[in-house]
PDB file of N, CA and C in Angstrom:
ATOM      1  N   MET A   1      10.214  -5.522  35.970  1.00  0.00           N
ATOM      2  CA  MET A   1       9.400  -4.719  35.105  1.00  0.00           C
ATOM      3  C   MET A   1       8.007  -5.589  35.666  1.00  0.00           C
ATOM      4  N   SER A   2       7.231  -4.637  35.612  1.00  0.00           N
ATOM      5  CA  SER A   2       5.639  -5.085  35.777  1.00  0.00           C
ATOM      6  C   SER A   2       4.912  -5.307  35.163  1.00  0.00           C
ATOM      7  N   ILE A   3       4.025  -5.908  35.276  1.00  0.00           N
ATOM      8  CA  ILE A   3       3.208  -6.331  33.537  1.00  0.00           C
ATOM      9  C   ILE A   3       2.791  -4.908  33.164  1.00  0.00           C
ATOM     10  N   ALA A   4       1.959  -3.840  34.069  1.00  0.00           N
ATOM     11  CA  ALA A   4       1.896  -2.817  34.066  1.00  0.00           C
ATOM     12  C   ALA A   4       3.470  -1.859  33.397  1.00  0.00           C
ATOM     13  N   GLU A   5       4.117  -2.140  34.233  1.00  0.00           N
ATOM     14  CA  GLU A   5       5.124  -1.121  33.119  1.00  0.00           C
ATOM     15  C   GLU A   5       5.486  -1.694  31.382  1.00  0.00           C
ATOM     16  N   PHE A   6       5.624  -3.448  32.140  1.00  0.00           N
ATOM     17  CA  PHE A   6       5.467  -3.236  30.189  1.00  0.00           C
ATOM     18  C   PHE A   6       4.607  -3.468  29.244  1.00  0.00           C
ATOM     19  N   ILE A   7       3.352  -3.540  29.933  1.00  0.00           N
ATOM     20  CA  ILE A   7       2.402  -2.807  28.535  1.00  0.00           C
ATOM     21  C   ILE A   7       2.598  -1.286  28.763  1.00  0.00           C
ATOM     22  N   ASP A   8       2.379  -0.258  29.082  1.00  0.00           N
ATOM     23  CA  ASP A   8       3.030   0.776  28.970  1.00  0.00           C
ATOM     24  C   ASP A   8       3.691   0.808  28.351  1.00  0.00           C
ATOM     25  N   ASN A   9       5.158   0.524  28.410  1.00  0.00           N
ATOM     26  CA  ASN A   9       6.550   0.450  28.126  1.00  0.00           C
ATOM     27  C   ASN A   9       6.323   0.295  26.009  1.00  0.00           C
ATOM     28  N   GLU A  10       4.786  -0.723  26.084  1.00  0.00           N
ATOM     29  CA  GLU A  10       4.914  -1.396  24.589  1.00  0.00           C
ATOM     30  C   GLU A  10       4.633  -0.443  23.641  1.00  0.00           C
ATOM     31  N   VAL A  11       3.315   0.262  24.416  1.00  0.00           N
ATOM     32  CA  VAL A  11       2.208   1.603  24.395  1.00  0.00           C
ATOM     33  C   VAL A  11       2.916   2.231  23.294  1.00  0.00           C
ATOM     34  N   LYS A  12       3.795   2.570  24.362  1.00  0.00           N
ATOM     35  CA  LYS A  12       4.284   4.054  24.223  1.00  0.00           C
ATOM     36  C   LYS A  12       5.339   3.764  23.187  1.00  0.00           C
ATOM     37  N   SER A  13       6.406   2.616  23.096  1.00  0.00           N
ATOM     38  CA  SER A  13       7.276   2.630  22.405  1.00  0.00           C
ATOM     39  C   SER A  13       6.899   2.561  21.103  1.00  0.00           C
ATOM     40  N   ASN A  14       6.336   1.614  20.397  1.00  0.00           N
ATOM     41  CA  ASN A  14       5.329   1.723  18.814  1.00  0.00           C
ATOM     42  C   ASN A  14       3.890   1.894  18.901  1.00  0.00           C
ATOM     43  N   ASP A  15       3.285   2.727  17.626  1.00  0.00           N
ATOM     44  CA  ASP A  15       2.509   3.368  16.745  1.00  0.00           C
ATOM     45  C   ASP A  15       1.393   2.914  17.138  1.00  0.00           C
ATOM     46  N   VAL A  16       1.436   1.621  16.696  1.00  0.00           N
ATOM     47  CA  VAL A  16       0.343   0.711  16.210  1.00  0.00           C
ATOM     48  C   VAL A  16       0.761  -0.883  17.658  1.00  0.00           C
ATOM     49  N   VAL A  17      -0.121  -0.717  18.865  1.00  0.00           N
ATOM     50  CA  VAL A  17      -0.272  -1.705  19.947  1.00  0.00           C
ATOM     51  C   VAL A  17      -1.575  -2.424  19.177  1.00  0.00           C
ATOM     52  N   LEU A  18      -1.758  -3.803  18.733  1.00  0.00           N
ATOM     53  CA  LEU A  18      -2.951  -4.612  19.210  1.00  0.00           C
ATOM     54  C   LEU A  18      -3.018  -5.209  20.505  1.00  0.00           C
ATOM     55  N   PHE A  19      -3.809  -6.156  21.402  1.00  0.00           N
ATOM     56  CA  PHE A  19      -3.637  -6.533  22.083  1.00  0.00           C
ATOM     57  C   PHE A  19      -4.185  -8.187  21.231  1.00  0.00           C
ATOM     58  N   MET A  20      -3.875  -8.714  21.439  1.00  0.00           N
ATOM     59  CA  MET A  20      -5.175  -9.819  20.928  1.00  0.00           C
ATOM     60  C   MET A  20      -5.278 -10.907  21.414  1.00  0.00           C
ATOM     61  N   LYS A  21      -6.221 -11.762  20.861  1.00  0.00           N
ATOM     62  CA  LYS A  21      -5.748 -13.312  21.184  1.00  0.00           C
ATOM     63  C   LYS A  21      -5.191 -14.024  20.025  1.00  0.00           C
ATOM     64  N   GLY A  22      -4.135 -14.916  20.502  1.00  0.00           N
ATOM     65  CA  GLY A  22      -3.542 -15.303  19.376  1.00  0.00           C
ATOM     66  C   GLY A  22      -2.101 -14.253  18.404  1.00  0.00           C
ATOM     67  N   THR A  23      -2.284 -14.175  17.517  1.00  0.00           N
ATOM     68  CA  THR A  23      -1.103 -14.326  16.702  1.00  0.00           C
ATOM     69  C   THR A  23      -1.880 -13.031  15.411  1.00  0.00           C
ATOM     70  N   PRO A  24      -0.747 -12.392  14.606  1.00  0.00           N
ATOM     71  CA  PRO A  24      -1.841 -11.225  13.809  1.00  0.00           C
ATOM     72  C   PRO A  24      -1.714 -11.970  12.248  1.00  0.00           C
ATOM     73  N   GLN A  25      -1.319 -13.499  12.564  1.00  0.00           N
ATOM     74  CA  GLN A  25      -1.262 -14.424  11.832  1.00  0.00           C
ATOM     75  C   GLN A  25      -2.135 -14.753  11.801  1.00  0.00           C
ATOM     76  N   PHE A  26      -2.138 -15.638  12.960  1.00  0.00           N
ATOM     77  CA  PHE A  26      -2.547 -17.689  13.387  1.00  0.00           C
ATOM     78  C   PHE A  26      -3.892 -16.093  15.051  1.00  0.00           C
ATOM     79  N   PRO A  27      -4.701 -16.049  14.355  1.00  0.00           N
ATOM     80  CA  PRO A  27      -5.505 -14.704  15.504  1.00  0.00           C
ATOM     81  C   PRO A  27      -6.581 -16.329  16.469  1.00  0.00           C
ATOM     82  N   GLN A  28      -7.112 -16.293  16.982  1.00  0.00           N
ATOM     83  CA  GLN A  28      -7.737 -17.073  18.375  1.00  0.00           C
ATOM     84  C   GLN A  28      -9.103 -16.162  18.523  1.00  0.00           C
ATOM     85  N   CYS A  29      -9.434 -15.678  17.788  1.00  0.00           N
ATOM     86  CA  CYS A  29     -11.073 -14.614  18.004  1.00  0.00           C
ATOM     87  C   CYS A  29     -10.131 -14.210  16.856  1.00  0.00           C
ATOM     88  N   GLY A  30     -12.187 -14.625  16.887  1.00  0.00           N
ATOM     89  CA  GLY A  30     -13.109 -14.165  15.176  1.00  0.00           C
ATOM     90  C   GLY A  30     -12.786 -12.068  15.181  1.00  0.00           C
ATOM     91  N   PHE A  31     -12.943 -11.951  17.407  1.00  0.00           N
ATOM     92  CA  PHE A  31     -13.092 -10.391  17.321  1.00  0.00           C
ATOM     93  C   PHE A  31     -11.574 -10.477  16.571  1.00  0.00           C
ATOM     94  N   SER A  32     -10.430 -10.424  17.566  1.00  0.00           N
ATOM     95  CA  SER A  32      -9.855 -10.214  16.936  1.00  0.00           C
ATOM     96  C   SER A  32      -8.322  -9.821  15.610  1.00  0.00           C
ATOM     97  N   GLY A  33      -9.429 -11.031  14.773  1.00  0.00           N
ATOM     98  CA  GLY A  33      -9.671 -11.701  13.530  1.00  0.00           C
ATOM     99  C   GLY A  33      -9.573 -10.441  12.606  1.00  0.00           C
ATOM    100  N   GLN A  34     -10.839  -9.888  13.082  1.00  0.00           N
ATOM    101  CA  GLN A  34     -11.161  -9.221  12.718  1.00  0.00           C
ATOM    102  C   GLN A  34     -10.669  -7.801  12.846  1.00  0.00           C
ATOM    103  N   VAL A  35     -10.284  -7.340  13.996  1.00  0.00           N
ATOM    104  CA  VAL A  35      -9.240  -5.615  13.812  1.00  0.00           C
ATOM    105  C   VAL A  35      -7.317  -6.314  13.159  1.00  0.00           C
ATOM    106  N   VAL A  36      -7.507  -7.543  12.647  1.00  0.00           N
ATOM    107  CA  VAL A  36      -6.002  -7.487  12.060  1.00  0.00           C
ATOM    108  C   VAL A  36      -6.442  -7.757  10.957  1.00  0.00           C
ATOM    109  N   GLN A  37      -7.669  -7.284  10.157  1.00  0.00           N
ATOM    110  CA  GLN A  37      -8.398  -7.607   8.728  1.00  0.00           C
ATOM    111  C   GLN A  37      -8.392  -6.163   8.524  1.00  0.00           C
ATOM    112  N   ILE A  38      -9.260  -5.839   9.385  1.00  0.00           N
ATOM    113  CA  ILE A  38      -8.976  -3.924   9.196  1.00  0.00           C
ATOM    114  C   ILE A  38      -7.879  -2.937   9.082  1.00  0.00           C
ATOM    115  N   LEU A  39      -6.917  -4.087   9.780  1.00  0.00           N
ATOM    116  CA  LEU A  39      -6.020  -3.575   9.807  1.00  0.00           C
ATOM    117  C   LEU A  39      -4.549  -3.200   9.404  1.00  0.00           C
ATOM    118  N   ASP A  40      -4.834  -4.294   8.010  1.00  0.00           N
ATOM    119  CA  ASP A  40      -4.384  -5.895   7.435  1.00  0.00           C
ATOM    120  C   ASP A  40      -4.850  -4.687   5.010  1.00  0.00           C
ATOM    121  N   HIS A  41      -5.921  -4.440   6.131  1.00  0.00           N
ATOM    122  CA  HIS A  41      -6.895  -3.775   4.233  1.00  0.00           C
ATOM    123  C   HIS A  41      -5.968  -2.279   4.892  1.00  0.00           C
ATOM    124  N   ILE A  42      -6.121  -1.523   5.874  1.00  0.00           N
ATOM    125  CA  ILE A  42      -5.184  -0.340   5.136  1.00  0.00           C
ATOM    126  C   ILE A  42      -4.231  -0.030   4.858  1.00  0.00           C
ATOM    127  N   GLY A  43      -3.056  -1.373   5.074  1.00  0.00           N
ATOM    128  CA  GLY A  43      -2.209  -1.403   5.523  1.00  0.00           C
ATOM    129  C   GLY A  43      -1.245  -1.289   6.621  1.00  0.00           C
ATOM    130  N   VAL A  44      -1.373  -0.592   7.811  1.00  0.00           N
ATOM    131  CA  VAL A  44      -0.541  -0.221   8.314  1.00  0.00           C
ATOM    132  C   VAL A  44       0.524  -1.077   9.956  1.00  0.00           C
ATOM    133  N   GLY A  45       1.760  -0.429   9.403  1.00  0.00           N
ATOM    134  CA  GLY A  45       2.146  -1.544  10.713  1.00  0.00           C
ATOM    135  C   GLY A  45       2.142  -1.262  11.686  1.00  0.00           C
ATOM    136  N   TYR A  46       2.103  -3.104  12.931  1.00  0.00           N
ATOM    137  CA  TYR A  46       1.949  -2.665  13.781  1.00  0.00           C
ATOM    138  C   TYR A  46       2.425  -4.013  14.677  1.00  0.00           C
ATOM    139  N   LYS A  47       2.475  -4.102  16.394  1.00  0.00           N
ATOM    140  CA  LYS A  47       2.662  -4.512  17.022  1.00  0.00           C
ATOM    141  C   LYS A  47       1.029  -5.655  17.125  1.00  0.00           C
ATOM    142  N   GLY A  48       1.331  -6.990  16.933  1.00  0.00           N
ATOM    143  CA  GLY A  48       0.153  -7.924  17.935  1.00  0.00           C
ATOM    144  C   GLY A  48       1.429  -8.300  18.888  1.00  0.00           C
ATOM    145  N   LEU A  49       0.095  -7.827  20.167  1.00  0.00           N
ATOM    146  CA  LEU A  49       0.554  -8.803  21.660  1.00  0.00           C
ATOM    147  C   LEU A  49      -0.092  -9.946  21.636  1.00  0.00           C
ATOM    148  N   ASN A  50      -0.208 -11.081  22.333  1.00  0.00           N
ATOM    149  CA  ASN A  50      -0.685 -12.624  22.226  1.00  0.00           C
ATOM    150  C   ASN A  50      -1.109 -12.576  24.021  1.00  0.00           C
ATOM    151  N   VAL A  51      -2.871 -11.915  23.944  1.00  0.00           N
ATOM    152  CA  VAL A  51      -2.408 -12.351  25.918  1.00  0.00           C
ATOM    153  C   VAL A  51      -2.794 -13.232  25.756  1.00  0.00           C
ATOM    154  N   LEU A  52      -3.652 -14.438  25.749  1.00  0.00           N
ATOM    155  CA  LEU A  52      -3.916 -15.398  25.797  1.00  0.00           C
ATOM    156  C   LEU A  52      -1.857 -16.713  26.264  1.00  0.00           C
ATOM    157  N   GLU A  53      -0.336 -16.284  25.364  1.00  0.00           N
ATOM    158  CA  GLU A  53       0.462 -16.430  26.557  1.00  0.00           C
ATOM    159  C   GLU A  53       0.716 -16.274  27.665  1.00  0.00           C
ATOM    160  N   SER A  54      -0.064 -15.338  28.523  1.00  0.00           N
ATOM    161  CA  SER A  54       0.033 -15.550  29.593  1.00  0.00           C
ATOM    162  C   SER A  54      -1.502 -14.554  30.245  1.00  0.00           C
ATOM    163  N   ALA A  55      -1.641 -15.105  31.290  1.00  0.00           N
ATOM    164  CA  ALA A  55      -2.466 -14.751  32.481  1.00  0.00           C
ATOM    165  C   ALA A  55      -2.579 -13.349  32.867  1.00  0.00           C
ATOM    166  N   GLU A  56      -1.565 -13.010  32.807  1.00  0.00           N
ATOM    167  CA  GLU A  56      -1.334 -11.322  33.826  1.00  0.00           C
ATOM    168  C   GLU A  56      -1.017 -10.456  33.001  1.00  0.00           C
ATOM    169  N   LEU A  57      -0.341 -11.395  31.833  1.00  0.00           N
ATOM    170  CA  LEU A  57      -1.006 -10.030  30.414  1.00  0.00           C
ATOM    171  C   LEU A  57      -2.965  -9.663  30.013  1.00  0.00           C
ATOM    172  N   ARG A  58      -3.013 -10.723  30.148  1.00  0.00           N
ATOM    173  CA  ARG A  58      -4.488 -10.672  29.490  1.00  0.00           C
ATOM    174  C   ARG A  58      -5.103 -10.189  30.314  1.00  0.00           C
ATOM    175  N   ASN A  59      -4.917 -10.576  31.534  1.00  0.00           N
ATOM    176  CA  ASN A  59      -5.939  -8.843  33.084  1.00  0.00           C
ATOM    177  C   ASN A  59      -5.228  -7.853  33.364  1.00  0.00           C
ATOM    178  N   GLY A  60      -3.381  -7.662  33.107  1.00  0.00           N
ATOM    179  CA  GLY A  60      -2.480  -6.717  32.991  1.00  0.00           C
ATOM    180  C   GLY A  60      -3.932  -5.156  32.048  1.00  0.00           C
ATOM    181  N   ILE A  61      -3.396  -5.809  30.389  1.00  0.00           N
ATOM    182  CA  ILE A  61      -4.472  -5.526  29.580  1.00  0.00           C
ATOM    183  C   ILE A  61      -5.461  -4.726  29.947  1.00  0.00           C
ATOM    184  N   LYS A  62      -6.254  -5.807  30.933  1.00  0.00           N
ATOM    185  CA  LYS A  62      -7.873  -4.853  30.724  1.00  0.00           C
ATOM    186  C   LYS A  62      -7.703  -3.591  32.809  1.00  0.00           C
ATOM    187  N   GLU A  63      -7.527  -4.097  33.675  1.00  0.00           N
ATOM    188  CA  GLU A  63      -6.580  -3.420  33.871  1.00  0.00           C
ATOM    189  C   GLU A  63      -6.170  -1.488  33.551  1.00  0.00           C
ATOM    190  N   TYR A  64      -4.538  -1.771  32.566  1.00  0.00           N
ATOM    191  CA  TYR A  64      -4.433  -1.041  32.346  1.00  0.00           C
ATOM    192  C   TYR A  64      -4.882  -0.253  31.906  1.00  0.00           C
ATOM    193  N   SER A  65      -6.131  -0.696  30.155  1.00  0.00           N
ATOM    194  CA  SER A  65      -7.003  -0.146  29.844  1.00  0.00           C
ATOM    195  C   SER A  65      -9.019   0.281  30.004  1.00  0.00           C
ATOM    196  N   ASN A  66      -8.760  -0.150  31.674  1.00  0.00           N
ATOM    197  CA  ASN A  66      -9.750  -0.263  32.121  1.00  0.00           C
ATOM    198  C   ASN A  66     -10.835  -0.647  30.923  1.00  0.00           C
ATOM    199  N   TRP A  67     -10.841  -1.916  30.799  1.00  0.00           N
ATOM    200  CA  TRP A  67     -11.726  -2.425  29.391  1.00  0.00           C
ATOM    201  C   TRP A  67     -12.025  -3.105  29.491  1.00  0.00           C
ATOM    202  N   PRO A  68     -12.891  -4.174  29.567  1.00  0.00           N
ATOM    203  CA  PRO A  68     -12.792  -5.451  29.553  1.00  0.00           C
ATOM    204  C   PRO A  68     -12.111  -6.554  29.281  1.00  0.00           C
ATOM    205  N   THR A  69     -12.389  -6.031  26.975  1.00  0.00           N
ATOM    206  CA  THR A  69     -12.732  -6.970  27.159  1.00  0.00           C
ATOM    207  C   THR A  69     -11.218  -7.254  25.491  1.00  0.00           C
ATOM    208  N   ILE A  70     -11.269  -7.578  25.394  1.00  0.00           N
ATOM    209  CA  ILE A  70      -9.724  -8.166  23.757  1.00  0.00           C
ATOM    210  C   ILE A  70     -10.556  -8.170  22.415  1.00  0.00           C
ATOM    211  N   PRO A  71     -10.353  -8.169  21.596  1.00  0.00           N
ATOM    212  CA  PRO A  71      -9.152  -6.992  21.372  1.00  0.00           C
ATOM    213  C   PRO A  71      -8.968  -4.868  21.294  1.00  0.00           C
ATOM    214  N   GLN A  72      -7.885  -5.425  21.962  1.00  0.00           N
ATOM    215  CA  GLN A  72      -7.478  -4.194  22.331  1.00  0.00           C
ATOM    216  C   GLN A  72      -6.639  -3.157  21.673  1.00  0.00           C
ATOM    217  N   LEU A  73      -6.169  -2.347  20.941  1.00  0.00           N
ATOM    218  CA  LEU A  73      -6.095  -1.588  19.744  1.00  0.00           C
ATOM    219  C   LEU A  73      -5.063  -0.344  20.426  1.00  0.00           C
ATOM    220  N   TYR A  74      -4.160   0.130  20.109  1.00  0.00           N
ATOM    221  CA  TYR A  74      -3.588   1.537  21.152  1.00  0.00           C
ATOM    222  C   TYR A  74      -2.504   1.839  20.479  1.00  0.00           C
ATOM    223  N   VAL A  75      -2.926   3.013  19.027  1.00  0.00           N
ATOM    224  CA  VAL A  75      -2.377   4.185  18.806  1.00  0.00           C
ATOM    225  C   VAL A  75      -0.581   5.612  19.495  1.00  0.00           C
ATOM    226  N   LYS A  76      -0.468   4.999  19.197  1.00  0.00           N
ATOM    227  CA  LYS A  76       0.421   6.116  19.084  1.00  0.00           C
ATOM    228  C   LYS A  76       0.421   7.063  20.986  1.00  0.00           C
ATOM    229  N   GLY A  77       0.529   5.259  22.207  1.00  0.00           N
ATOM    230  CA  GLY A  77      -0.238   5.374  23.306  1.00  0.00           C
ATOM    231  C   GLY A  77      -1.558   5.606  23.540  1.00  0.00           C
ATOM    232  N   GLU A  78      -2.611   5.583  22.426  1.00  0.00           N
ATOM    233  CA  GLU A  78      -3.935   6.198  23.351  1.00  0.00           C
ATOM    234  C   GLU A  78      -4.729   4.911  22.932  1.00  0.00           C
ATOM    235  N   PHE A  79      -5.634   4.688  23.728  1.00  0.00           N
ATOM    236  CA  PHE A  79      -6.280   3.863  23.660  1.00  0.00           C
ATOM    237  C   PHE A  79      -7.798   3.981  23.134  1.00  0.00           C
ATOM    238  N   ILE A  80      -7.721   2.839  21.681  1.00  0.00           N
ATOM    239  CA  ILE A  80      -8.864   3.663  20.687  1.00  0.00           C
ATOM    240  C   ILE A  80     -10.147   2.478  20.831  1.00  0.00           C
ATOM    241  N   GLY A  81      -9.874   0.565  20.912  1.00  0.00           N
ATOM    242  CA  GLY A  81     -11.250   0.947  21.476  1.00  0.00           C
ATOM    243  C   GLY A  81     -11.045  -0.091  21.058  1.00  0.00           C
ATOM    244  N   GLY A  82     -11.883  -1.451  20.950  1.00  0.00           N
ATOM    245  CA  GLY A  82     -12.201  -3.166  20.491  1.00  0.00           C
ATOM    246  C   GLY A  82     -12.604  -3.188  19.463  1.00  0.00           C
ATOM    247  N   CYS A  83     -13.032  -4.444  19.054  1.00  0.00           N
ATOM    248  CA  CYS A  83     -13.475  -4.729  18.245  1.00  0.00           C
ATOM    249  C   CYS A  83     -14.681  -3.776  17.721  1.00  0.00           C
ATOM    250  N   ASP A  84     -16.078  -3.561  18.064  1.00  0.00           N
ATOM    251  CA  ASP A  84     -16.871  -3.301  17.730  1.00  0.00           C
ATOM    252  C   ASP A  84     -16.815  -1.426  17.568  1.00  0.00           C
ATOM    253  N   ILE A  85     -15.610  -0.575  18.236  1.00  0.00           N
ATOM    254  CA  ILE A  85     -15.848   0.116  17.579  1.00  0.00           C
ATOM    255  C   ILE A  85     -14.833   0.913  16.864  1.00  0.00           C
ATOM    256  N   VAL A  86     -13.002  -0.393  16.570  1.00  0.00           N
ATOM    257  CA  VAL A  86     -12.802  -0.359  14.993  1.00  0.00           C
ATOM    258  C   VAL A  86     -13.132  -0.120  13.976  1.00  0.00           C
ATOM    259  N   ARG A  87     -14.236  -1.693  14.019  1.00  0.00           N
ATOM    260  CA  ARG A  87     -14.523  -1.396  13.216  1.00  0.00           C
ATOM    261  C   ARG A  87     -15.994  -0.527  12.489  1.00  0.00           C
ATOM    262  N   GLU A  88     -16.789  -0.515  14.051  1.00  0.00           N
ATOM    263  CA  GLU A  88     -17.767   1.479  12.793  1.00  0.00           C
ATOM    264  C   GLU A  88     -16.741   2.705  12.764  1.00  0.00           C
ATOM    265  N   MET A  89     -15.027   2.981  13.824  1.00  0.00           N
ATOM    266  CA  MET A  89     -14.107   3.373  13.013  1.00  0.00           C
ATOM    267  C   MET A  89     -14.063   3.903  12.079  1.00  0.00           C
ATOM    268  N   PHE A  90     -13.297   2.377  11.245  1.00  0.00           N
ATOM    269  CA  PHE A  90     -12.916   1.590   9.466  1.00  0.00           C
ATOM    270  C   PHE A  90     -14.501   1.844   8.438  1.00  0.00           C
ATOM    271  N   GLN A  91     -15.401   1.022   8.817  1.00  0.00           N
ATOM    272  CA  GLN A  91     -16.213   2.123   7.804  1.00  0.00           C
ATOM    273  C   GLN A  91     -16.930   3.141   8.344  1.00  0.00           C
ATOM    274  N   ALA A  92     -16.695   4.014   9.064  1.00  0.00           N
ATOM    275  CA  ALA A  92     -16.792   5.529   8.923  1.00  0.00           C
ATOM    276  C   ALA A  92     -15.857   5.891   7.724  1.00  0.00           C
ATOM    277  N   GLY A  93     -14.931   5.397   8.276  1.00  0.00           N
ATOM    278  CA  GLY A  93     -13.386   6.360   7.409  1.00  0.00           C
ATOM    279  C   GLY A  93     -11.913   7.316   8.300  1.00  0.00           C
ATOM    280  N   GLU A  94     -13.134   7.250   9.259  1.00  0.00           N
ATOM    281  CA  GLU A  94     -12.332   7.269  10.736  1.00  0.00           C
ATOM    282  C   GLU A  94     -11.463   6.870  11.316  1.00  0.00           C
ATOM    283  N   LEU A  95     -11.183   5.431  11.233  1.00  0.00           N
ATOM    284  CA  LEU A  95      -9.930   4.783  11.392  1.00  0.00           C
ATOM    285  C   LEU A  95      -8.657   5.154  10.262  1.00  0.00           C
ATOM    286  N   GLN A  96      -8.560   5.257   9.099  1.00  0.00           N
ATOM    287  CA  GLN A  96      -7.690   6.004   8.537  1.00  0.00           C
ATOM    288  C   GLN A  96      -7.419   6.611   8.647  1.00  0.00           C
ATOM    289  N   GLN A  97      -8.206   8.126   8.677  1.00  0.00           N
ATOM    290  CA  GLN A  97      -8.132   8.838   9.573  1.00  0.00           C
ATOM    291  C   GLN A  97      -7.592   9.960  10.423  1.00  0.00           C
ATOM    292  N   LEU A  98      -7.592   8.642  11.334  1.00  0.00           N
ATOM    293  CA  LEU A  98      -6.254   9.099  12.543  1.00  0.00           C
ATOM    294  C   LEU A  98      -5.397   8.631  12.672  1.00  0.00           C
ATOM    295  N   PHE A  99      -5.041   7.892  11.224  1.00  0.00           N
ATOM    296  CA  PHE A  99      -4.136   7.249  11.320  1.00  0.00           C
ATOM    297  C   PHE A  99      -2.790   8.713  10.194  1.00  0.00           C
ATOM    298  N   SER A 100      -4.083   9.066  10.350  1.00  0.00           N
ATOM    299  CA  SER A 100      -3.220   9.878   9.634  1.00  0.00           C
ATOM    300  C   SER A 100      -2.715  10.868  10.271  1.00  0.00           C
ATOM    301  N   GLU A 101      -3.911  11.182  10.448  1.00  0.00           N
ATOM    302  CA  GLU A 101      -3.461  12.314  11.849  1.00  0.00           C
ATOM    303  C   GLU A 101      -2.755  12.193  12.622  1.00  0.00           C
ATOM    304  N   LYS A 102      -2.663  11.020  13.173  1.00  0.00           N
ATOM    305  CA  LYS A 102      -1.385  10.126  14.584  1.00  0.00           C
ATOM    306  C   LYS A 102       0.566  10.309  13.319  1.00  0.00           C
ATOM    307  N   GLY A 103       0.025  10.471  12.183  1.00  0.00           N
ATOM    308  CA  GLY A 103       1.543  10.262  11.628  1.00  0.00           C
ATOM    309  C   GLY A 103       2.241   9.984  11.100  1.00  0.00           C
ATOM    310  N   VAL A 104       0.860   8.433  10.849  1.00  0.00           N
ATOM    311  CA  VAL A 104       1.673   6.923  11.006  1.00  0.00           C
ATOM    312  C   VAL A 104       1.347   6.812   9.829  1.00  0.00           C
ATOM    313  N   ALA A 105       1.481   5.888   9.569  1.00  0.00           N
ATOM    314  CA  ALA A 105       1.820   6.134   7.425  1.00  0.00           C
ATOM    315  C   ALA A 105       0.694   4.107   7.438  1.00  0.00           C
ATOM    316  N   VAL A 106       0.190   4.668   6.312  1.00  0.00           N
ATOM    317  CA  VAL A 106      -1.056   3.433   5.555  1.00  0.00           C
ATOM    318  C   VAL A 106      -0.484   2.959   4.135  1.00  0.00           C
ATOM    319  N   ALA A 107      -0.039   2.025   3.946  1.00  0.00           N
ATOM    320  CA  ALA A 107      -0.770   1.937   2.548  1.00  0.00           C
ATOM    321  C   ALA A 107      -1.669   2.587   1.735  1.00  0.00           C
ATOM    322  N   ALA A 108      -0.923   2.746   0.461  1.00  0.00           N
ATOM    323  CA  ALA A 108      -1.872   4.089  -0.130  1.00  0.00           C
ATOM    324  C   ALA A 108      -3.638   2.276  -0.768  1.00  0.00           C
TER     325      ALA A 108
END
């Protein structure tokens, strides 16, 4: 399986996927940490993939999304954005609305 196929499979087989530096339990960059805090605050389940474990994954996700930075959030196969976009959507209530519209369960 190529890295593009691996990424495509992860994005399509998980409702919410975060490509990040570090893990949800131990983020290794401030931007990844902010997105983890937002997702945990909303109470949405997600899969975190650590791009620091593989240069192939780190470069592959940037090519897959055509987006140059990490973290990257995907919801139901759709690329949402990086830290700034996720934070702005959260502050405007749009991220919560997106999860609702996509049928992704969140904690009350």
